[in-house]
Amino acid sequence: MTDDWTGTYESLAVGDTESSSQLIDGASIDAFAHAIRSFNPLHMDGDWARANTPYPDRVAHGVMTSALMSRPIVQFCERFRVRTALLSTSAKYLKAVVVGDTVTTVVRLAAKDDEKRRIRFEVEARNQRGELVLVGEAIEKAL
């Protein structure tokens, strides 16, 4: 992370993007489950998931998939050297993310509200097969 936060809200260009990829493995699901204290067998037990659902293995928590938008947003702000504070997020889950999937999340600066100094990102996440697993948005306030 850079210590040079000299960018400006005005330098942010609508349409600019950032992305990051993350392998979803059992250890990452375990860590997330412990962080939020959510231990549904769908997330924790591959045998249970195979026996009781159409999924081939454990499924990542939906909010874990949503949380993946944080990294490219941080990278975006670091690239432009602008500090922001998260105000809201929303997400629609389109396809389950299972153990072994690599999720690539892309954020695109979709709009700026100059009066409130807010920026709105559109978010898309796809698995390694290019299938859309999440769409959503995040709103940040430029500090």
N, C-alpha and C. Protein backbone atom coordinates (compact mmCIF):
# COMPACT_ATOMS: atom_id res chain seq x y z
N MET A 1 0.85 -1.18 0.00
CA MET A 1 0.00 0.00 0.00
C MET A 1 0.89 1.23 0.00
N THR A 2 0.47 2.22 -0.72
CA THR A 2 1.24 3.45 -0.83
C THR A 2 0.90 4.41 0.30
N ASP A 3 1.88 5.23 0.69
CA ASP A 3 1.65 6.28 1.67
C ASP A 3 1.31 7.60 0.99
N ASP A 4 1.38 7.61 -0.33
CA ASP A 4 1.16 8.82 -1.11
C ASP A 4 -0.30 8.92 -1.53
N TRP A 5 -1.13 9.52 -0.68
CA TRP A 5 -2.56 9.64 -0.96
C TRP A 5 -2.86 11.06 -1.44
N THR A 6 -2.26 11.43 -2.57
CA THR A 6 -2.37 12.79 -3.07
C THR A 6 -3.36 12.93 -4.21
N GLY A 7 -4.05 11.86 -4.54
CA GLY A 7 -5.03 11.93 -5.63
C GLY A 7 -6.24 12.74 -5.22
N THR A 8 -7.09 13.03 -6.18
CA THR A 8 -8.28 13.82 -5.92
C THR A 8 -9.51 13.11 -6.45
N TYR A 9 -10.62 13.40 -5.85
CA TYR A 9 -11.92 12.91 -6.32
C TYR A 9 -12.10 13.26 -7.79
N GLU A 10 -11.69 14.46 -8.15
CA GLU A 10 -11.87 14.95 -9.52
C GLU A 10 -11.10 14.10 -10.54
N SER A 11 -10.02 13.46 -10.11
CA SER A 11 -9.22 12.65 -11.04
C SER A 11 -9.86 11.31 -11.37
N LEU A 12 -10.90 10.93 -10.65
CA LEU A 12 -11.55 9.65 -10.90
C LEU A 12 -12.40 9.73 -12.15
N ALA A 13 -12.19 8.81 -13.07
CA ALA A 13 -12.89 8.84 -14.35
C ALA A 13 -13.95 7.75 -14.42
N VAL A 14 -15.17 8.17 -14.70
CA VAL A 14 -16.25 7.20 -14.91
C VAL A 14 -15.82 6.27 -16.05
N GLY A 15 -16.02 4.99 -15.83
CA GLY A 15 -15.65 3.97 -16.81
C GLY A 15 -14.38 3.22 -16.47
N ASP A 16 -13.54 3.78 -15.60
CA ASP A 16 -12.31 3.08 -15.20
C ASP A 16 -12.67 1.82 -14.41
N THR A 17 -11.83 0.79 -14.56
CA THR A 17 -12.10 -0.50 -13.92
C THR A 17 -10.89 -0.98 -13.13
N GLU A 18 -11.17 -1.97 -12.31
CA GLU A 18 -10.12 -2.69 -11.57
C GLU A 18 -10.65 -4.10 -11.36
N SER A 19 -9.75 -5.06 -11.26
CA SER A 19 -10.18 -6.44 -11.04
C SER A 19 -9.20 -7.17 -10.13
N SER A 20 -9.68 -8.26 -9.56
CA SER A 20 -8.82 -9.16 -8.81
C SER A 20 -9.44 -10.56 -8.86
N SER A 21 -8.58 -11.55 -8.69
CA SER A 21 -9.02 -12.94 -8.71
C SER A 21 -8.66 -13.61 -7.40
N GLN A 22 -9.50 -14.55 -7.00
CA GLN A 22 -9.29 -15.26 -5.74
C GLN A 22 -9.72 -16.71 -5.90
N LEU A 23 -8.83 -17.64 -5.56
CA LEU A 23 -9.18 -19.05 -5.49
C LEU A 23 -9.98 -19.27 -4.21
N ILE A 24 -11.11 -19.91 -4.34
CA ILE A 24 -11.93 -20.24 -3.18
C ILE A 24 -11.63 -21.68 -2.80
N ASP A 25 -10.93 -21.86 -1.71
CA ASP A 25 -10.59 -23.21 -1.25
C ASP A 25 -11.24 -23.44 0.11
N GLY A 26 -11.11 -24.66 0.60
CA GLY A 26 -11.71 -25.00 1.88
C GLY A 26 -11.21 -24.15 3.02
N ALA A 27 -9.93 -23.85 3.00
CA ALA A 27 -9.35 -23.04 4.08
C ALA A 27 -9.95 -21.63 4.10
N SER A 28 -10.17 -21.04 2.93
CA SER A 28 -10.74 -19.69 2.91
C SER A 28 -12.20 -19.70 3.38
N ILE A 29 -12.96 -20.75 3.00
CA ILE A 29 -14.34 -20.86 3.49
C ILE A 29 -14.33 -21.07 5.01
N ASP A 30 -13.43 -21.93 5.49
CA ASP A 30 -13.35 -22.15 6.95
C ASP A 30 -13.06 -20.85 7.69
N ALA A 31 -12.09 -20.09 7.20
CA ALA A 31 -11.73 -18.83 7.86
C ALA A 31 -12.90 -17.87 7.85
N PHE A 32 -13.61 -17.78 6.73
CA PHE A 32 -14.75 -16.88 6.65
C PHE A 32 -15.86 -17.34 7.59
N ALA A 33 -16.14 -18.64 7.61
CA ALA A 33 -17.18 -19.18 8.50
C ALA A 33 -16.87 -18.85 9.95
N HIS A 34 -15.62 -18.99 10.35
CA HIS A 34 -15.24 -18.68 11.73
C HIS A 34 -15.35 -17.18 12.00
N ALA A 35 -15.03 -16.36 11.02
CA ALA A 35 -15.11 -14.90 11.22
C ALA A 35 -16.54 -14.45 11.43
N ILE A 36 -17.49 -15.07 10.72
CA ILE A 36 -18.88 -14.63 10.85
C ILE A 36 -19.74 -15.59 11.68
N ARG A 37 -19.12 -16.67 12.17
CA ARG A 37 -19.79 -17.66 13.02
C ARG A 37 -21.00 -18.27 12.31
N SER A 38 -20.79 -18.73 11.07
CA SER A 38 -21.86 -19.34 10.28
C SER A 38 -21.37 -20.69 9.77
N PHE A 39 -21.96 -21.77 10.30
CA PHE A 39 -21.44 -23.11 10.05
C PHE A 39 -22.45 -24.05 9.40
N ASN A 40 -23.27 -23.54 8.52
CA ASN A 40 -24.22 -24.35 7.77
C ASN A 40 -23.45 -25.47 7.07
N PRO A 41 -23.94 -26.72 7.10
CA PRO A 41 -23.20 -27.80 6.44
C PRO A 41 -23.02 -27.60 4.93
N LEU A 42 -23.87 -26.79 4.32
CA LEU A 42 -23.67 -26.46 2.90
C LEU A 42 -22.30 -25.84 2.69
N HIS A 43 -21.83 -25.07 3.65
CA HIS A 43 -20.54 -24.40 3.57
C HIS A 43 -19.39 -25.23 4.16
N MET A 44 -19.72 -26.11 5.09
CA MET A 44 -18.68 -26.74 5.89
C MET A 44 -18.41 -28.21 5.57
N ASP A 45 -19.34 -28.88 4.89
CA ASP A 45 -19.24 -30.33 4.73
C ASP A 45 -19.51 -30.73 3.27
N GLY A 46 -18.43 -31.05 2.56
CA GLY A 46 -18.55 -31.43 1.16
C GLY A 46 -19.41 -32.66 0.95
N ASP A 47 -19.30 -33.66 1.84
CA ASP A 47 -20.12 -34.87 1.71
C ASP A 47 -21.60 -34.51 1.85
N TRP A 48 -21.91 -33.65 2.82
CA TRP A 48 -23.30 -33.24 3.01
C TRP A 48 -23.81 -32.49 1.77
N ALA A 49 -22.99 -31.59 1.24
CA ALA A 49 -23.40 -30.82 0.05
C ALA A 49 -23.68 -31.75 -1.13
N ARG A 50 -22.81 -32.73 -1.34
CA ARG A 50 -23.00 -33.66 -2.46
C ARG A 50 -24.26 -34.51 -2.28
N ALA A 51 -24.55 -34.90 -1.05
CA ALA A 51 -25.69 -35.77 -0.77
C ALA A 51 -27.03 -35.03 -0.76
N ASN A 52 -27.02 -33.75 -0.47
CA ASN A 52 -28.27 -33.03 -0.22
C ASN A 52 -28.54 -31.86 -1.15
N THR A 53 -27.62 -31.57 -2.05
CA THR A 53 -27.79 -30.43 -2.95
C THR A 53 -27.30 -30.82 -4.33
N PRO A 54 -27.55 -29.98 -5.32
CA PRO A 54 -27.01 -30.27 -6.66
C PRO A 54 -25.54 -29.89 -6.81
N TYR A 55 -24.91 -29.40 -5.75
CA TYR A 55 -23.54 -28.89 -5.84
C TYR A 55 -22.52 -30.00 -5.65
N PRO A 56 -21.39 -29.91 -6.34
CA PRO A 56 -20.38 -30.96 -6.27
C PRO A 56 -19.47 -30.88 -5.03
N ASP A 57 -19.60 -29.82 -4.26
CA ASP A 57 -18.73 -29.66 -3.08
C ASP A 57 -19.30 -28.53 -2.23
N ARG A 58 -18.54 -28.14 -1.23
CA ARG A 58 -18.93 -27.04 -0.34
C ARG A 58 -19.16 -25.77 -1.15
N VAL A 59 -20.10 -24.97 -0.70
CA VAL A 59 -20.44 -23.71 -1.36
C VAL A 59 -19.99 -22.56 -0.47
N ALA A 60 -19.34 -21.58 -1.07
CA ALA A 60 -18.93 -20.39 -0.32
C ALA A 60 -20.17 -19.61 0.13
N HIS A 61 -20.08 -19.00 1.29
CA HIS A 61 -21.14 -18.12 1.76
C HIS A 61 -21.36 -17.02 0.71
N GLY A 62 -22.61 -16.65 0.48
CA GLY A 62 -22.87 -15.56 -0.46
C GLY A 62 -22.15 -14.28 -0.07
N VAL A 63 -22.16 -13.97 1.22
CA VAL A 63 -21.50 -12.73 1.65
C VAL A 63 -19.98 -12.81 1.47
N MET A 64 -19.44 -14.03 1.42
CA MET A 64 -18.02 -14.17 1.12
C MET A 64 -17.76 -13.75 -0.33
N THR A 65 -18.64 -14.17 -1.22
CA THR A 65 -18.52 -13.77 -2.62
C THR A 65 -18.67 -12.25 -2.74
N SER A 66 -19.62 -11.69 -2.01
CA SER A 66 -19.78 -10.22 -2.00
C SER A 66 -18.53 -9.53 -1.50
N ALA A 67 -17.93 -10.08 -0.46
CA ALA A 67 -16.75 -9.46 0.14
C ALA A 67 -15.58 -9.37 -0.83
N LEU A 68 -15.59 -10.20 -1.86
CA LEU A 68 -14.51 -10.17 -2.84
C LEU A 68 -14.47 -8.86 -3.62
N MET A 69 -15.55 -8.06 -3.56
CA MET A 69 -15.51 -6.76 -4.25
C MET A 69 -14.60 -5.78 -3.53
N SER A 70 -14.31 -6.02 -2.28
CA SER A 70 -13.49 -5.10 -1.50
C SER A 70 -12.09 -4.93 -2.08
N ARG A 71 -11.48 -6.03 -2.45
CA ARG A 71 -10.09 -5.97 -2.93
C ARG A 71 -9.93 -5.10 -4.18
N PRO A 72 -10.73 -5.30 -5.23
CA PRO A 72 -10.53 -4.41 -6.39
C PRO A 72 -10.91 -2.96 -6.11
N ILE A 73 -11.84 -2.72 -5.20
CA ILE A 73 -12.15 -1.33 -4.84
C ILE A 73 -10.95 -0.69 -4.16
N VAL A 74 -10.33 -1.41 -3.24
CA VAL A 74 -9.13 -0.89 -2.58
C VAL A 74 -8.02 -0.65 -3.61
N GLN A 75 -7.82 -1.60 -4.50
CA GLN A 75 -6.80 -1.44 -5.54
C GLN A 75 -7.09 -0.22 -6.42
N PHE A 76 -8.36 -0.01 -6.76
CA PHE A 76 -8.77 1.14 -7.56
C PHE A 76 -8.39 2.43 -6.83
N CYS A 77 -8.75 2.51 -5.56
CA CYS A 77 -8.47 3.73 -4.79
C CYS A 77 -6.97 3.94 -4.61
N GLU A 78 -6.23 2.85 -4.41
CA GLU A 78 -4.78 2.98 -4.30
C GLU A 78 -4.18 3.48 -5.62
N ARG A 79 -4.67 2.96 -6.73
CA ARG A 79 -4.14 3.38 -8.04
C ARG A 79 -4.33 4.87 -8.25
N PHE A 80 -5.49 5.39 -7.84
CA PHE A 80 -5.76 6.82 -8.01
C PHE A 80 -5.36 7.64 -6.79
N ARG A 81 -4.87 6.96 -5.75
CA ARG A 81 -4.39 7.61 -4.53
C ARG A 81 -5.47 8.47 -3.86
N VAL A 82 -6.68 7.89 -3.82
CA VAL A 82 -7.82 8.57 -3.22
C VAL A 82 -8.36 7.70 -2.09
N ARG A 83 -8.53 8.29 -0.94
CA ARG A 83 -9.11 7.55 0.19
C ARG A 83 -10.63 7.68 0.13
N THR A 84 -11.28 6.56 0.47
CA THR A 84 -12.74 6.53 0.47
C THR A 84 -13.23 5.78 1.70
N ALA A 85 -14.51 5.91 1.96
CA ALA A 85 -15.18 5.14 3.01
C ALA A 85 -16.40 4.46 2.39
N LEU A 86 -16.55 3.18 2.64
CA LEU A 86 -17.68 2.42 2.10
C LEU A 86 -18.97 2.86 2.76
N LEU A 87 -19.98 3.16 1.93
CA LEU A 87 -21.29 3.55 2.43
C LEU A 87 -22.31 2.44 2.30
N SER A 88 -22.27 1.71 1.18
CA SER A 88 -23.24 0.63 0.99
C SER A 88 -22.78 -0.32 -0.11
N THR A 89 -23.33 -1.52 -0.04
CA THR A 89 -23.14 -2.50 -1.10
C THR A 89 -24.47 -3.21 -1.32
N SER A 90 -24.62 -3.75 -2.50
CA SER A 90 -25.73 -4.65 -2.78
C SER A 90 -25.22 -5.70 -3.75
N ALA A 91 -25.82 -6.87 -3.68
CA ALA A 91 -25.38 -7.94 -4.55
C ALA A 91 -26.53 -8.89 -4.84
N LYS A 92 -26.48 -9.45 -6.03
CA LYS A 92 -27.40 -10.50 -6.42
C LYS A 92 -26.55 -11.70 -6.79
N TYR A 93 -26.83 -12.83 -6.16
CA TYR A 93 -26.07 -14.04 -6.39
C TYR A 93 -26.73 -14.83 -7.52
N LEU A 94 -25.98 -15.09 -8.57
CA LEU A 94 -26.53 -15.72 -9.76
C LEU A 94 -26.17 -17.19 -9.89
N LYS A 95 -25.05 -17.58 -9.30
CA LYS A 95 -24.57 -18.95 -9.39
C LYS A 95 -23.73 -19.22 -8.16
N ALA A 96 -23.82 -20.44 -7.64
CA ALA A 96 -23.04 -20.80 -6.46
C ALA A 96 -21.55 -20.81 -6.78
N VAL A 97 -20.76 -20.41 -5.80
CA VAL A 97 -19.31 -20.51 -5.86
C VAL A 97 -18.92 -21.70 -4.99
N VAL A 98 -18.28 -22.70 -5.60
CA VAL A 98 -17.93 -23.91 -4.87
C VAL A 98 -16.42 -24.01 -4.70
N VAL A 99 -16.01 -24.85 -3.75
CA VAL A 99 -14.59 -25.09 -3.51
C VAL A 99 -13.90 -25.41 -4.84
N GLY A 100 -12.80 -24.74 -5.08
CA GLY A 100 -12.04 -24.94 -6.31
C GLY A 100 -12.29 -23.88 -7.36
N ASP A 101 -13.35 -23.10 -7.19
CA ASP A 101 -13.61 -22.01 -8.15
C ASP A 101 -12.62 -20.88 -7.93
N THR A 102 -12.25 -20.24 -9.02
CA THR A 102 -11.50 -19.00 -8.96
C THR A 102 -12.45 -17.90 -9.41
N VAL A 103 -12.67 -16.95 -8.52
CA VAL A 103 -13.61 -15.86 -8.78
C VAL A 103 -12.81 -14.61 -9.16
N THR A 104 -13.17 -14.04 -10.31
CA THR A 104 -12.58 -12.77 -10.74
C THR A 104 -13.66 -11.71 -10.61
N THR A 105 -13.37 -10.71 -9.80
CA THR A 105 -14.31 -9.63 -9.53
C THR A 105 -13.81 -8.37 -10.21
N VAL A 106 -14.70 -7.76 -10.99
CA VAL A 106 -14.39 -6.51 -11.70
C VAL A 106 -15.30 -5.43 -11.17
N VAL A 107 -14.69 -4.30 -10.81
CA VAL A 107 -15.47 -3.12 -10.43
C VAL A 107 -15.24 -2.05 -11.49
N ARG A 108 -16.32 -1.35 -11.81
CA ARG A 108 -16.25 -0.26 -12.80
C ARG A 108 -16.87 0.97 -12.18
N LEU A 109 -16.12 2.08 -12.22
CA LEU A 109 -16.68 3.34 -11.72
C LEU A 109 -17.81 3.74 -12.65
N ALA A 110 -19.03 3.64 -12.15
CA ALA A 110 -20.21 3.86 -12.99
C ALA A 110 -20.76 5.28 -12.90
N ALA A 111 -20.56 5.93 -11.76
CA ALA A 111 -21.13 7.27 -11.59
C ALA A 111 -20.43 8.00 -10.46
N LYS A 112 -20.47 9.32 -10.56
CA LYS A 112 -19.95 10.20 -9.52
C LYS A 112 -21.05 11.19 -9.14
N ASP A 113 -21.17 11.44 -7.85
CA ASP A 113 -22.09 12.45 -7.34
C ASP A 113 -21.23 13.56 -6.79
N ASP A 114 -21.00 14.59 -7.59
CA ASP A 114 -20.06 15.64 -7.21
C ASP A 114 -20.50 16.39 -5.96
N GLU A 115 -21.80 16.59 -5.79
CA GLU A 115 -22.29 17.33 -4.63
C GLU A 115 -21.95 16.60 -3.32
N LYS A 116 -22.14 15.28 -3.31
CA LYS A 116 -21.89 14.50 -2.10
C LYS A 116 -20.51 13.83 -2.11
N ARG A 117 -19.77 13.97 -3.20
CA ARG A 117 -18.45 13.34 -3.36
C ARG A 117 -18.53 11.83 -3.17
N ARG A 118 -19.54 11.27 -3.79
CA ARG A 118 -19.75 9.83 -3.74
C ARG A 118 -19.46 9.22 -5.10
N ILE A 119 -18.97 7.99 -5.06
CA ILE A 119 -18.73 7.25 -6.30
C ILE A 119 -19.47 5.92 -6.22
N ARG A 120 -20.01 5.51 -7.36
CA ARG A 120 -20.76 4.25 -7.42
C ARG A 120 -20.05 3.30 -8.37
N PHE A 121 -19.74 2.12 -7.85
CA PHE A 121 -19.12 1.07 -8.65
C PHE A 121 -20.17 0.04 -9.05
N GLU A 122 -20.15 -0.38 -10.30
CA GLU A 122 -20.86 -1.58 -10.71
C GLU A 122 -19.90 -2.74 -10.51
N VAL A 123 -20.44 -3.86 -10.07
CA VAL A 123 -19.61 -5.01 -9.72
C VAL A 123 -20.10 -6.24 -10.48
N GLU A 124 -19.15 -6.98 -11.05
CA GLU A 124 -19.45 -8.28 -11.65
C GLU A 124 -18.39 -9.26 -11.18
N ALA A 125 -18.82 -10.47 -10.85
CA ALA A 125 -17.89 -11.53 -10.48
C ALA A 125 -18.19 -12.75 -11.34
N ARG A 126 -17.12 -13.35 -11.87
CA ARG A 126 -17.25 -14.54 -12.72
C ARG A 126 -16.33 -15.64 -12.21
N ASN A 127 -16.75 -16.88 -12.43
CA ASN A 127 -15.89 -18.00 -12.08
C ASN A 127 -14.91 -18.27 -13.23
N GLN A 128 -14.08 -19.28 -13.06
CA GLN A 128 -13.04 -19.58 -14.03
C GLN A 128 -13.60 -20.03 -15.38
N ARG A 129 -14.87 -20.38 -15.44
CA ARG A 129 -15.50 -20.75 -16.71
C ARG A 129 -16.16 -19.54 -17.38
N GLY A 130 -16.01 -18.36 -16.77
CA GLY A 130 -16.60 -17.15 -17.32
C GLY A 130 -18.06 -16.97 -16.97
N GLU A 131 -18.58 -17.82 -16.10
CA GLU A 131 -19.99 -17.73 -15.71
C GLU A 131 -20.16 -16.63 -14.67
N LEU A 132 -21.17 -15.81 -14.87
CA LEU A 132 -21.46 -14.73 -13.95
C LEU A 132 -22.01 -15.32 -12.65
N VAL A 133 -21.35 -15.03 -11.53
CA VAL A 133 -21.80 -15.55 -10.24
C VAL A 133 -22.41 -14.47 -9.36
N LEU A 134 -22.10 -13.20 -9.65
CA LEU A 134 -22.61 -12.10 -8.83
C LEU A 134 -22.64 -10.82 -9.65
N VAL A 135 -23.68 -10.04 -9.45
CA VAL A 135 -23.72 -8.66 -9.93
C VAL A 135 -24.12 -7.80 -8.75
N GLY A 136 -23.61 -6.58 -8.73
CA GLY A 136 -23.97 -5.72 -7.62
C GLY A 136 -23.41 -4.32 -7.79
N GLU A 137 -23.39 -3.60 -6.68
CA GLU A 137 -22.82 -2.25 -6.69
C GLU A 137 -22.28 -1.92 -5.31
N ALA A 138 -21.42 -0.95 -5.31
CA ALA A 138 -20.86 -0.42 -4.06
C ALA A 138 -20.82 1.09 -4.17
N ILE A 139 -21.14 1.75 -3.09
CA ILE A 139 -21.08 3.21 -3.06
C ILE A 139 -20.08 3.61 -1.99
N GLU A 140 -19.15 4.48 -2.40
CA GLU A 140 -18.09 4.97 -1.51
C GLU A 140 -18.15 6.49 -1.46
N LYS A 141 -17.69 7.03 -0.35
CA LYS A 141 -17.56 8.49 -0.23
C LYS A 141 -16.09 8.83 -0.28
N ALA A 142 -15.74 9.74 -1.16
CA ALA A 142 -14.36 10.21 -1.23
C ALA A 142 -14.08 11.10 -0.03
N LEU A 143 -12.98 10.84 0.65
CA LEU A 143 -12.65 11.59 1.86
C LEU A 143 -11.76 12.78 1.53
